[in-house]
Amino acid sequence: VSLVTQNLNQTSLRLERRLRELKSLQ
């Protein structure tokens, strides 16, 4: 369960960072 939660969190963080990058470029 910890491994699954960690992987989901890392995916979420990558998506959030990509969104911040796109907003900054805009």
mmCIF file of all heavy atoms, coordinates in Angstrom:
data_MODEL
# 
_entry.id   MODEL 
# 
loop_
_atom_site.group_PDB 
_atom_site.id 
_atom_site.type_symbol 
_atom_site.label_atom_id 
_atom_site.label_alt_id 
_atom_site.label_comp_id 
_atom_site.label_asym_id 
_atom_site.label_entity_id 
_atom_site.label_seq_id 
_atom_site.pdbx_PDB_ins_code 
_atom_site.Cartn_x 
_atom_site.Cartn_y 
_atom_site.Cartn_z 
_atom_site.occupancy 
_atom_site.B_iso_or_equiv 
_atom_site.pdbx_formal_charge 
_atom_site.auth_seq_id 
_atom_site.auth_comp_id 
_atom_site.auth_asym_id 
_atom_site.auth_atom_id 
_atom_site.pdbx_PDB_model_num 
ATOM 1   N N   . VAL A 1 1  ? 0.841  -1.207 0.000   1.00 0.00 ? 1  VAL A N   1 
ATOM 2   C CA  . VAL A 1 1  ? 0.000  0.000  0.000   1.00 0.00 ? 1  VAL A CA  1 
ATOM 3   C C   . VAL A 1 1  ? 0.872  1.253  0.000   1.00 0.00 ? 1  VAL A C   1 
ATOM 4   O O   . VAL A 1 1  ? 0.581  2.224  -0.718  1.00 0.00 ? 1  VAL A O   1 
ATOM 5   C CB  . VAL A 1 1  ? -0.944 -0.010 1.219   1.00 0.00 ? 1  VAL A CB  1 
ATOM 6   C CG1 . VAL A 1 1  ? -1.639 1.335  1.364   1.00 0.00 ? 1  VAL A CG1 1 
ATOM 7   C CG2 . VAL A 1 1  ? -1.962 -1.135 1.097   1.00 0.00 ? 1  VAL A CG2 1 
ATOM 8   N N   . SER A 1 2  ? 1.950  1.243  0.770   1.00 0.00 ? 2  SER A N   1 
ATOM 9   C CA  . SER A 1 2  ? 2.852  2.401  0.822   1.00 0.00 ? 2  SER A CA  1 
ATOM 10  C C   . SER A 1 2  ? 3.486  2.659  -0.536  1.00 0.00 ? 2  SER A C   1 
ATOM 11  O O   . SER A 1 2  ? 3.611  3.811  -0.974  1.00 0.00 ? 2  SER A O   1 
ATOM 12  C CB  . SER A 1 2  ? 3.941  2.174  1.872   1.00 0.00 ? 2  SER A CB  1 
ATOM 13  O OG  . SER A 1 2  ? 3.388  2.105  3.167   1.00 0.00 ? 2  SER A OG  1 
ATOM 14  N N   . LEU A 1 3  ? 3.903  1.587  -1.230  1.00 0.00 ? 3  LEU A N   1 
ATOM 15  C CA  . LEU A 1 3  ? 4.532  1.746  -2.539  1.00 0.00 ? 3  LEU A CA  1 
ATOM 16  C C   . LEU A 1 3  ? 3.547  2.323  -3.562  1.00 0.00 ? 3  LEU A C   1 
ATOM 17  O O   . LEU A 1 3  ? 3.902  3.205  -4.342  1.00 0.00 ? 3  LEU A O   1 
ATOM 18  C CB  . LEU A 1 3  ? 5.061  0.394  -3.030  1.00 0.00 ? 3  LEU A CB  1 
ATOM 19  C CG  . LEU A 1 3  ? 6.300  -0.137 -2.315  1.00 0.00 ? 3  LEU A CG  1 
ATOM 20  C CD1 . LEU A 1 3  ? 6.627  -1.546 -2.790  1.00 0.00 ? 3  LEU A CD1 1 
ATOM 21  C CD2 . LEU A 1 3  ? 7.493  0.791  -2.536  1.00 0.00 ? 3  LEU A CD2 1 
ATOM 22  N N   . VAL A 1 4  ? 2.319  1.822  -3.542  1.00 0.00 ? 4  VAL A N   1 
ATOM 23  C CA  . VAL A 1 4  ? 1.305  2.332  -4.469  1.00 0.00 ? 4  VAL A CA  1 
ATOM 24  C C   . VAL A 1 4  ? 1.029  3.806  -4.194  1.00 0.00 ? 4  VAL A C   1 
ATOM 25  O O   . VAL A 1 4  ? 0.956  4.631  -5.113  1.00 0.00 ? 4  VAL A O   1 
ATOM 26  C CB  . VAL A 1 4  ? 0.007  1.504  -4.366  1.00 0.00 ? 4  VAL A CB  1 
ATOM 27  C CG1 . VAL A 1 4  ? -1.120 2.163  -5.157  1.00 0.00 ? 4  VAL A CG1 1 
ATOM 28  C CG2 . VAL A 1 4  ? 0.238  0.085  -4.862  1.00 0.00 ? 4  VAL A CG2 1 
ATOM 29  N N   . THR A 1 5  ? 0.877  4.153  -2.909  1.00 0.00 ? 5  THR A N   1 
ATOM 30  C CA  . THR A 1 5  ? 0.612  5.546  -2.535  1.00 0.00 ? 5  THR A CA  1 
ATOM 31  C C   . THR A 1 5  ? 1.759  6.452  -2.950  1.00 0.00 ? 5  THR A C   1 
ATOM 32  O O   . THR A 1 5  ? 1.546  7.566  -3.460  1.00 0.00 ? 5  THR A O   1 
ATOM 33  C CB  . THR A 1 5  ? 0.392  5.658  -1.021  1.00 0.00 ? 5  THR A CB  1 
ATOM 34  O OG1 . THR A 1 5  ? -0.676 4.786  -0.631  1.00 0.00 ? 5  THR A OG1 1 
ATOM 35  C CG2 . THR A 1 5  ? 0.051  7.079  -0.623  1.00 0.00 ? 5  THR A CG2 1 
ATOM 36  N N   . GLN A 1 6  ? 2.997  5.984  -2.749  1.00 0.00 ? 6  GLN A N   1 
ATOM 37  C CA  . GLN A 1 6  ? 4.162  6.783  -3.128  1.00 0.00 ? 6  GLN A CA  1 
ATOM 38  C C   . GLN A 1 6  ? 4.193  7.022  -4.637  1.00 0.00 ? 6  GLN A C   1 
ATOM 39  O O   . GLN A 1 6  ? 4.449  8.141  -5.090  1.00 0.00 ? 6  GLN A O   1 
ATOM 40  C CB  . GLN A 1 6  ? 5.441  6.086  -2.692  1.00 0.00 ? 6  GLN A CB  1 
ATOM 41  C CG  . GLN A 1 6  ? 6.707  6.886  -2.994  1.00 0.00 ? 6  GLN A CG  1 
ATOM 42  C CD  . GLN A 1 6  ? 7.964  6.098  -2.697  1.00 0.00 ? 6  GLN A CD  1 
ATOM 43  O OE1 . GLN A 1 6  ? 7.982  4.877  -2.822  1.00 0.00 ? 6  GLN A OE1 1 
ATOM 44  N NE2 . GLN A 1 6  ? 9.023  6.783  -2.304  1.00 0.00 ? 6  GLN A NE2 1 
ATOM 45  N N   . ASN A 1 7  ? 3.929  5.983  -5.431  1.00 0.00 ? 7  ASN A N   1 
ATOM 46  C CA  . ASN A 1 7  ? 3.936  6.138  -6.891  1.00 0.00 ? 7  ASN A CA  1 
ATOM 47  C C   . ASN A 1 7  ? 2.861  7.108  -7.357  1.00 0.00 ? 7  ASN A C   1 
ATOM 48  O O   . ASN A 1 7  ? 3.089  7.933  -8.250  1.00 0.00 ? 7  ASN A O   1 
ATOM 49  C CB  . ASN A 1 7  ? 3.738  4.771  -7.560  1.00 0.00 ? 7  ASN A CB  1 
ATOM 50  C CG  . ASN A 1 7  ? 4.954  3.868  -7.410  1.00 0.00 ? 7  ASN A CG  1 
ATOM 51  O OD1 . ASN A 1 7  ? 6.068  4.358  -7.262  1.00 0.00 ? 7  ASN A OD1 1 
ATOM 52  N ND2 . ASN A 1 7  ? 4.742  2.573  -7.442  1.00 0.00 ? 7  ASN A ND2 1 
ATOM 53  N N   . LEU A 1 8  ? 1.667  7.020  -6.749  1.00 0.00 ? 8  LEU A N   1 
ATOM 54  C CA  . LEU A 1 8  ? 0.600  7.950  -7.101  1.00 0.00 ? 8  LEU A CA  1 
ATOM 55  C C   . LEU A 1 8  ? 0.974  9.379  -6.745  1.00 0.00 ? 8  LEU A C   1 
ATOM 56  O O   . LEU A 1 8  ? 0.701  10.321 -7.498  1.00 0.00 ? 8  LEU A O   1 
ATOM 57  C CB  . LEU A 1 8  ? -0.703 7.548  -6.390  1.00 0.00 ? 8  LEU A CB  1 
ATOM 58  C CG  . LEU A 1 8  ? -1.366 6.256  -6.874  1.00 0.00 ? 8  LEU A CG  1 
ATOM 59  C CD1 . LEU A 1 8  ? -2.552 5.915  -5.982  1.00 0.00 ? 8  LEU A CD1 1 
ATOM 60  C CD2 . LEU A 1 8  ? -1.817 6.384  -8.327  1.00 0.00 ? 8  LEU A CD2 1 
ATOM 61  N N   . ASN A 1 9  ? 1.622  9.553  -5.587  1.00 0.00 ? 9  ASN A N   1 
ATOM 62  C CA  . ASN A 1 9  ? 2.045  10.886 -5.168  1.00 0.00 ? 9  ASN A CA  1 
ATOM 63  C C   . ASN A 1 9  ? 3.089  11.464 -6.106  1.00 0.00 ? 9  ASN A C   1 
ATOM 64  O O   . ASN A 1 9  ? 3.036  12.641 -6.471  1.00 0.00 ? 9  ASN A O   1 
ATOM 65  C CB  . ASN A 1 9  ? 2.590  10.819 -3.742  1.00 0.00 ? 9  ASN A CB  1 
ATOM 66  C CG  . ASN A 1 9  ? 3.145  12.154 -3.259  1.00 0.00 ? 9  ASN A CG  1 
ATOM 67  O OD1 . ASN A 1 9  ? 4.348  12.288 -3.053  1.00 0.00 ? 9  ASN A OD1 1 
ATOM 68  N ND2 . ASN A 1 9  ? 2.282  13.134 -3.061  1.00 0.00 ? 9  ASN A ND2 1 
ATOM 69  N N   . GLN A 1 10 ? 4.059  10.640 -6.528  1.00 0.00 ? 10 GLN A N   1 
ATOM 70  C CA  . GLN A 1 10 ? 5.091  11.124 -7.442  1.00 0.00 ? 10 GLN A CA  1 
ATOM 71  C C   . GLN A 1 10 ? 4.492  11.517 -8.785  1.00 0.00 ? 10 GLN A C   1 
ATOM 72  O O   . GLN A 1 10 ? 4.889  12.523 -9.387  1.00 0.00 ? 10 GLN A O   1 
ATOM 73  C CB  . GLN A 1 10 ? 6.162  10.044 -7.620  1.00 0.00 ? 10 GLN A CB  1 
ATOM 74  C CG  . GLN A 1 10 ? 7.011  9.830  -6.380  1.00 0.00 ? 10 GLN A CG  1 
ATOM 75  C CD  . GLN A 1 10 ? 7.987  8.684  -6.529  1.00 0.00 ? 10 GLN A CD  1 
ATOM 76  O OE1 . GLN A 1 10 ? 7.878  7.866  -7.452  1.00 0.00 ? 10 GLN A OE1 1 
ATOM 77  N NE2 . GLN A 1 10 ? 8.946  8.590  -5.629  1.00 0.00 ? 10 GLN A NE2 1 
ATOM 78  N N   . THR A 1 11 ? 3.541  10.728 -9.262  1.00 0.00 ? 11 THR A N   1 
ATOM 79  C CA  . THR A 1 11 ? 2.860  11.078 -10.514 1.00 0.00 ? 11 THR A CA  1 
ATOM 80  C C   . THR A 1 11 ? 2.119  12.397 -10.377 1.00 0.00 ? 11 THR A C   1 
ATOM 81  O O   . THR A 1 11 ? 2.165  13.264 -11.273 1.00 0.00 ? 11 THR A O   1 
ATOM 82  C CB  . THR A 1 11 ? 1.873  9.969  -10.910 1.00 0.00 ? 11 THR A CB  1 
ATOM 83  O OG1 . THR A 1 11 ? 2.578  8.739  -11.074 1.00 0.00 ? 11 THR A OG1 1 
ATOM 84  C CG2 . THR A 1 11 ? 1.169  10.316 -12.210 1.00 0.00 ? 11 THR A CG2 1 
ATOM 85  N N   . SER A 1 12 ? 1.432  12.577 -9.247  1.00 0.00 ? 12 SER A N   1 
ATOM 86  C CA  . SER A 1 12 ? 0.701  13.818 -9.005  1.00 0.00 ? 12 SER A CA  1 
ATOM 87  C C   . SER A 1 12 ? 1.641  15.018 -8.947  1.00 0.00 ? 12 SER A C   1 
ATOM 88  O O   . SER A 1 12 ? 1.345  16.073 -9.508  1.00 0.00 ? 12 SER A O   1 
ATOM 89  C CB  . SER A 1 12 ? -0.091 13.707 -7.697  1.00 0.00 ? 12 SER A CB  1 
ATOM 90  O OG  . SER A 1 12 ? -0.716 14.920 -7.362  1.00 0.00 ? 12 SER A OG  1 
ATOM 91  N N   . LEU A 1 13 ? 2.801  14.856 -8.287  1.00 0.00 ? 13 LEU A N   1 
ATOM 92  C CA  . LEU A 1 13 ? 3.769  15.949 -8.192  1.00 0.00 ? 13 LEU A CA  1 
ATOM 93  C C   . LEU A 1 13 ? 4.319  16.321 -9.568  1.00 0.00 ? 13 LEU A C   1 
ATOM 94  O O   . LEU A 1 13 ? 4.521  17.507 -9.871  1.00 0.00 ? 13 LEU A O   1 
ATOM 95  C CB  . LEU A 1 13 ? 4.916  15.554 -7.253  1.00 0.00 ? 13 LEU A CB  1 
ATOM 96  C CG  . LEU A 1 13 ? 4.572  15.431 -5.768  1.00 0.00 ? 13 LEU A CG  1 
ATOM 97  C CD1 . LEU A 1 13 ? 5.774  14.939 -4.990  1.00 0.00 ? 13 LEU A CD1 1 
ATOM 98  C CD2 . LEU A 1 13 ? 4.099  16.772 -5.214  1.00 0.00 ? 13 LEU A CD2 1 
ATOM 99  N N   . ARG A 1 14 ? 4.580  15.311 -10.413 1.00 0.00 ? 14 ARG A N   1 
ATOM 100 C CA  . ARG A 1 14 ? 5.077  15.600 -11.762 1.00 0.00 ? 14 ARG A CA  1 
ATOM 101 C C   . ARG A 1 14 ? 4.042  16.378 -12.574 1.00 0.00 ? 14 ARG A C   1 
ATOM 102 O O   . ARG A 1 14 ? 4.377  17.317 -13.299 1.00 0.00 ? 14 ARG A O   1 
ATOM 103 C CB  . ARG A 1 14 ? 5.458  14.299 -12.475 1.00 0.00 ? 14 ARG A CB  1 
ATOM 104 C CG  . ARG A 1 14 ? 6.755  13.677 -11.982 1.00 0.00 ? 14 ARG A CG  1 
ATOM 105 C CD  . ARG A 1 14 ? 7.242  12.614 -12.946 1.00 0.00 ? 14 ARG A CD  1 
ATOM 106 N NE  . ARG A 1 14 ? 6.349  11.464 -12.955 1.00 0.00 ? 14 ARG A NE  1 
ATOM 107 C CZ  . ARG A 1 14 ? 6.508  10.391 -12.187 1.00 0.00 ? 14 ARG A CZ  1 
ATOM 108 N NH1 . ARG A 1 14 ? 7.519  10.341 -11.340 1.00 0.00 ? 14 ARG A NH1 1 
ATOM 109 N NH2 . ARG A 1 14 ? 5.663  9.381  -12.265 1.00 0.00 ? 14 ARG A NH2 1 
ATOM 110 N N   . LEU A 1 15 ? 2.772  15.978 -12.453 1.00 0.00 ? 15 LEU A N   1 
ATOM 111 C CA  . LEU A 1 15 ? 1.715  16.679 -13.177 1.00 0.00 ? 15 LEU A CA  1 
ATOM 112 C C   . LEU A 1 15 ? 1.560  18.118 -12.672 1.00 0.00 ? 15 LEU A C   1 
ATOM 113 O O   . LEU A 1 15 ? 1.362  19.045 -13.459 1.00 0.00 ? 15 LEU A O   1 
ATOM 114 C CB  . LEU A 1 15 ? 0.394  15.925 -13.031 1.00 0.00 ? 15 LEU A CB  1 
ATOM 115 C CG  . LEU A 1 15 ? 0.305  14.571 -13.745 1.00 0.00 ? 15 LEU A CG  1 
ATOM 116 C CD1 . LEU A 1 15 ? -0.989 13.862 -13.372 1.00 0.00 ? 15 LEU A CD1 1 
ATOM 117 C CD2 . LEU A 1 15 ? 0.401  14.757 -15.254 1.00 0.00 ? 15 LEU A CD2 1 
ATOM 118 N N   . GLU A 1 16 ? 1.644  18.297 -11.339 1.00 0.00 ? 16 GLU A N   1 
ATOM 119 C CA  . GLU A 1 16 ? 1.531  19.639 -10.775 1.00 0.00 ? 16 GLU A CA  1 
ATOM 120 C C   . GLU A 1 16 ? 2.681  20.525 -11.245 1.00 0.00 ? 16 GLU A C   1 
ATOM 121 O O   . GLU A 1 16 ? 2.492  21.702 -11.564 1.00 0.00 ? 16 GLU A O   1 
ATOM 122 C CB  . GLU A 1 16 ? 1.520  19.564 -9.252  1.00 0.00 ? 16 GLU A CB  1 
ATOM 123 C CG  . GLU A 1 16 ? 0.228  18.989 -8.674  1.00 0.00 ? 16 GLU A CG  1 
ATOM 124 C CD  . GLU A 1 16 ? 0.291  18.835 -7.168  1.00 0.00 ? 16 GLU A CD  1 
ATOM 125 O OE1 . GLU A 1 16 ? 1.328  19.250 -6.588  1.00 0.00 ? 16 GLU A OE1 1 
ATOM 126 O OE2 . GLU A 1 16 ? -0.653 18.302 -6.576  1.00 0.00 ? 16 GLU A OE2 1 
ATOM 127 N N   . ARG A 1 17 ? 3.898  19.962 -11.290 1.00 0.00 ? 17 ARG A N   1 
ATOM 128 C CA  . ARG A 1 17 ? 5.046  20.754 -11.745 1.00 0.00 ? 17 ARG A CA  1 
ATOM 129 C C   . ARG A 1 17 ? 4.890  21.125 -13.218 1.00 0.00 ? 17 ARG A C   1 
ATOM 130 O O   . ARG A 1 17 ? 5.174  22.255 -13.623 1.00 0.00 ? 17 ARG A O   1 
ATOM 131 C CB  . ARG A 1 17 ? 6.347  19.977 -11.537 1.00 0.00 ? 17 ARG A CB  1 
ATOM 132 C CG  . ARG A 1 17 ? 7.563  20.756 -12.036 1.00 0.00 ? 17 ARG A CG  1 
ATOM 133 C CD  . ARG A 1 17 ? 8.877  20.118 -11.677 1.00 0.00 ? 17 ARG A CD  1 
ATOM 134 N NE  . ARG A 1 17 ? 9.980  20.894 -12.215 1.00 0.00 ? 17 ARG A NE  1 
ATOM 135 C CZ  . ARG A 1 17 ? 10.475 21.983 -11.651 1.00 0.00 ? 17 ARG A CZ  1 
ATOM 136 N NH1 . ARG A 1 17 ? 9.962  22.430 -10.519 1.00 0.00 ? 17 ARG A NH1 1 
ATOM 137 N NH2 . ARG A 1 17 ? 11.482 22.636 -12.207 1.00 0.00 ? 17 ARG A NH2 1 
ATOM 138 N N   . ARG A 1 18 ? 4.435  20.184 -14.030 1.00 0.00 ? 18 ARG A N   1 
ATOM 139 C CA  . ARG A 1 18 ? 4.234  20.476 -15.445 1.00 0.00 ? 18 ARG A CA  1 
ATOM 140 C C   . ARG A 1 18 ? 3.196  21.583 -15.628 1.00 0.00 ? 18 ARG A C   1 
ATOM 141 O O   . ARG A 1 18 ? 3.353  22.477 -16.480 1.00 0.00 ? 18 ARG A O   1 
ATOM 142 C CB  . ARG A 1 18 ? 3.790  19.202 -16.172 1.00 0.00 ? 18 ARG A CB  1 
ATOM 143 C CG  . ARG A 1 18 ? 3.570  19.383 -17.663 1.00 0.00 ? 18 ARG A CG  1 
ATOM 144 C CD  . ARG A 1 18 ? 4.810  19.878 -18.348 1.00 0.00 ? 18 ARG A CD  1 
ATOM 145 N NE  . ARG A 1 18 ? 4.627  20.022 -19.788 1.00 0.00 ? 18 ARG A NE  1 
ATOM 146 C CZ  . ARG A 1 18 ? 5.376  20.767 -20.568 1.00 0.00 ? 18 ARG A CZ  1 
ATOM 147 N NH1 . ARG A 1 18 ? 6.383  21.455 -20.048 1.00 0.00 ? 18 ARG A NH1 1 
ATOM 148 N NH2 . ARG A 1 18 ? 5.146  20.822 -21.865 1.00 0.00 ? 18 ARG A NH2 1 
ATOM 149 N N   . LEU A 1 19 ? 2.152  21.546 -14.800 1.00 0.00 ? 19 LEU A N   1 
ATOM 150 C CA  . LEU A 1 19 ? 1.126  22.585 -14.878 1.00 0.00 ? 19 LEU A CA  1 
ATOM 151 C C   . LEU A 1 19 ? 1.704  23.946 -14.502 1.00 0.00 ? 19 LEU A C   1 
ATOM 152 O O   . LEU A 1 19 ? 1.411  24.966 -15.146 1.00 0.00 ? 19 LEU A O   1 
ATOM 153 C CB  . LEU A 1 19 ? -0.044 22.223 -13.959 1.00 0.00 ? 19 LEU A CB  1 
ATOM 154 C CG  . LEU A 1 19 ? -1.217 23.201 -13.921 1.00 0.00 ? 19 LEU A CG  1 
ATOM 155 C CD1 . LEU A 1 19 ? -1.846 23.326 -15.305 1.00 0.00 ? 19 LEU A CD1 1 
ATOM 156 C CD2 . LEU A 1 19 ? -2.264 22.747 -12.904 1.00 0.00 ? 19 LEU A CD2 1 
ATOM 157 N N   . ARG A 1 20 ? 2.550  23.983 -13.472 1.00 0.00 ? 20 ARG A N   1 
ATOM 158 C CA  . ARG A 1 20 ? 3.186  25.247 -13.073 1.00 0.00 ? 20 ARG A CA  1 
ATOM 159 C C   . ARG A 1 20 ? 4.082  25.775 -14.188 1.00 0.00 ? 20 ARG A C   1 
ATOM 160 O O   . ARG A 1 20 ? 4.145  26.978 -14.450 1.00 0.00 ? 20 ARG A O   1 
ATOM 161 C CB  . ARG A 1 20 ? 3.991  25.061 -11.787 1.00 0.00 ? 20 ARG A CB  1 
ATOM 162 C CG  . ARG A 1 20 ? 3.152  24.831 -10.537 1.00 0.00 ? 20 ARG A CG  1 
ATOM 163 C CD  . ARG A 1 20 ? 3.971  25.080 -9.276  1.00 0.00 ? 20 ARG A CD  1 
ATOM 164 N NE  . ARG A 1 20 ? 5.149  24.234 -9.220  1.00 0.00 ? 20 ARG A NE  1 
ATOM 165 C CZ  . ARG A 1 20 ? 5.164  23.025 -8.660  1.00 0.00 ? 20 ARG A CZ  1 
ATOM 166 N NH1 . ARG A 1 20 ? 4.049  22.527 -8.123  1.00 0.00 ? 20 ARG A NH1 1 
ATOM 167 N NH2 . ARG A 1 20 ? 6.270  22.311 -8.625  1.00 0.00 ? 20 ARG A NH2 1 
ATOM 168 N N   . GLU A 1 21 ? 4.816  24.847 -14.848 1.00 0.00 ? 21 GLU A N   1 
ATOM 169 C CA  . GLU A 1 21 ? 5.684  25.268 -15.940 1.00 0.00 ? 21 GLU A CA  1 
ATOM 170 C C   . GLU A 1 21 ? 4.880  25.892 -17.080 1.00 0.00 ? 21 GLU A C   1 
ATOM 171 O O   . GLU A 1 21 ? 5.261  26.920 -17.638 1.00 0.00 ? 21 GLU A O   1 
ATOM 172 C CB  . GLU A 1 21 ? 6.484  24.069 -16.445 1.00 0.00 ? 21 GLU A CB  1 
ATOM 173 C CG  . GLU A 1 21 ? 7.526  23.567 -15.446 1.00 0.00 ? 21 GLU A CG  1 
ATOM 174 C CD  . GLU A 1 21 ? 8.140  22.254 -15.874 1.00 0.00 ? 21 GLU A CD  1 
ATOM 175 O OE1 . GLU A 1 21 ? 7.626  21.644 -16.839 1.00 0.00 ? 21 GLU A OE1 1 
ATOM 176 O OE2 . GLU A 1 21 ? 9.132  21.839 -15.252 1.00 0.00 ? 21 GLU A OE2 1 
ATOM 177 N N   . LEU A 1 22 ? 3.752  25.241 -17.435 1.00 0.00 ? 22 LEU A N   1 
ATOM 178 C CA  . LEU A 1 22 ? 2.914  25.765 -18.515 1.00 0.00 ? 22 LEU A CA  1 
ATOM 179 C C   . LEU A 1 22 ? 2.330  27.129 -18.151 1.00 0.00 ? 22 LEU A C   1 
ATOM 180 O O   . LEU A 1 22 ? 2.255  28.035 -18.995 1.00 0.00 ? 22 LEU A O   1 
ATOM 181 C CB  . LEU A 1 22 ? 1.797  24.769 -18.833 1.00 0.00 ? 22 LEU A CB  1 
ATOM 182 C CG  . LEU A 1 22 ? 2.250  23.438 -19.465 1.00 0.00 ? 22 LEU A CG  1 
ATOM 183 C CD1 . LEU A 1 22 ? 1.073  22.480 -19.581 1.00 0.00 ? 22 LEU A CD1 1 
ATOM 184 C CD2 . LEU A 1 22 ? 2.871  23.677 -20.834 1.00 0.00 ? 22 LEU A CD2 1 
ATOM 185 N N   . LYS A 1 23 ? 1.906  27.291 -16.891 1.00 0.00 ? 23 LYS A N   1 
ATOM 186 C CA  . LYS A 1 23 ? 1.371  28.583 -16.447 1.00 0.00 ? 23 LYS A CA  1 
ATOM 187 C C   . LYS A 1 23 ? 2.446  29.663 -16.499 1.00 0.00 ? 23 LYS A C   1 
ATOM 188 O O   . LYS A 1 23 ? 2.175  30.816 -16.867 1.00 0.00 ? 23 LYS A O   1 
ATOM 189 C CB  . LYS A 1 23 ? 0.802  28.465 -15.038 1.00 0.00 ? 23 LYS A CB  1 
ATOM 190 C CG  . LYS A 1 23 ? -0.514 27.687 -14.958 1.00 0.00 ? 23 LYS A CG  1 
ATOM 191 C CD  . LYS A 1 23 ? -1.024 27.649 -13.523 1.00 0.00 ? 23 LYS A CD  1 
ATOM 192 C CE  . LYS A 1 23 ? -2.382 26.943 -13.456 1.00 0.00 ? 23 LYS A CE  1 
ATOM 193 N NZ  . LYS A 1 23 ? -2.896 26.868 -12.058 1.00 0.00 ? 23 LYS A NZ  1 
ATOM 194 N N   . SER A 1 24 ? 3.681  29.297 -16.132 1.00 0.00 ? 24 SER A N   1 
ATOM 195 C CA  . SER A 1 24 ? 4.779  30.262 -16.168 1.00 0.00 ? 24 SER A CA  1 
ATOM 196 C C   . SER A 1 24 ? 5.092  30.680 -17.596 1.00 0.00 ? 24 SER A C   1 
ATOM 197 O O   . SER A 1 24 ? 5.308  31.864 -17.886 1.00 0.00 ? 24 SER A O   1 
ATOM 198 C CB  . SER A 1 24 ? 6.031  29.662 -15.508 1.00 0.00 ? 24 SER A CB  1 
ATOM 199 O OG  . SER A 1 24 ? 5.805  29.448 -14.129 1.00 0.00 ? 24 SER A OG  1 
ATOM 200 N N   . LEU A 1 25 ? 5.124  29.709 -18.503 1.00 0.00 ? 25 LEU A N   1 
ATOM 201 C CA  . LEU A 1 25 ? 5.350  30.034 -19.911 1.00 0.00 ? 25 LEU A CA  1 
ATOM 202 C C   . LEU A 1 25 ? 4.251  30.942 -20.454 1.00 0.00 ? 25 LEU A C   1 
ATOM 203 O O   . LEU A 1 25 ? 4.517  31.874 -21.218 1.00 0.00 ? 25 LEU A O   1 
ATOM 204 C CB  . LEU A 1 25 ? 5.426  28.748 -20.732 1.00 0.00 ? 25 LEU A CB  1 
ATOM 205 C CG  . LEU A 1 25 ? 6.694  27.896 -20.551 1.00 0.00 ? 25 LEU A CG  1 
ATOM 206 C CD1 . LEU A 1 25 ? 6.559  26.574 -21.287 1.00 0.00 ? 25 LEU A CD1 1 
ATOM 207 C CD2 . LEU A 1 25 ? 7.921  28.652 -21.040 1.00 0.00 ? 25 LEU A CD2 1 
ATOM 208 N N   . GLN A 1 26 ? 3.013  30.672 -20.038 1.00 0.00 ? 26 GLN A N   1 
ATOM 209 C CA  . GLN A 1 26 ? 1.900  31.506 -20.479 1.00 0.00 ? 26 GLN A CA  1 
ATOM 210 C C   . GLN A 1 26 ? 2.052  32.942 -19.969 1.00 0.00 ? 26 GLN A C   1 
ATOM 211 O O   . GLN A 1 26 ? 1.809  33.909 -20.699 1.00 0.00 ? 26 GLN A O   1 
ATOM 212 C CB  . GLN A 1 26 ? 0.582  30.907 -19.999 1.00 0.00 ? 26 GLN A CB  1 
ATOM 213 C CG  . GLN A 1 26 ? -0.647 31.684 -20.459 1.00 0.00 ? 26 GLN A CG  1 
ATOM 214 C CD  . GLN A 1 26 ? -1.929 31.103 -19.887 1.00 0.00 ? 26 GLN A CD  1 
ATOM 215 O OE1 . GLN A 1 26 ? -1.938 30.526 -18.808 1.00 0.00 ? 26 GLN A OE1 1 
ATOM 216 N NE2 . GLN A 1 26 ? -3.029 31.251 -20.623 1.00 0.00 ? 26 GLN A NE2 1 
# 
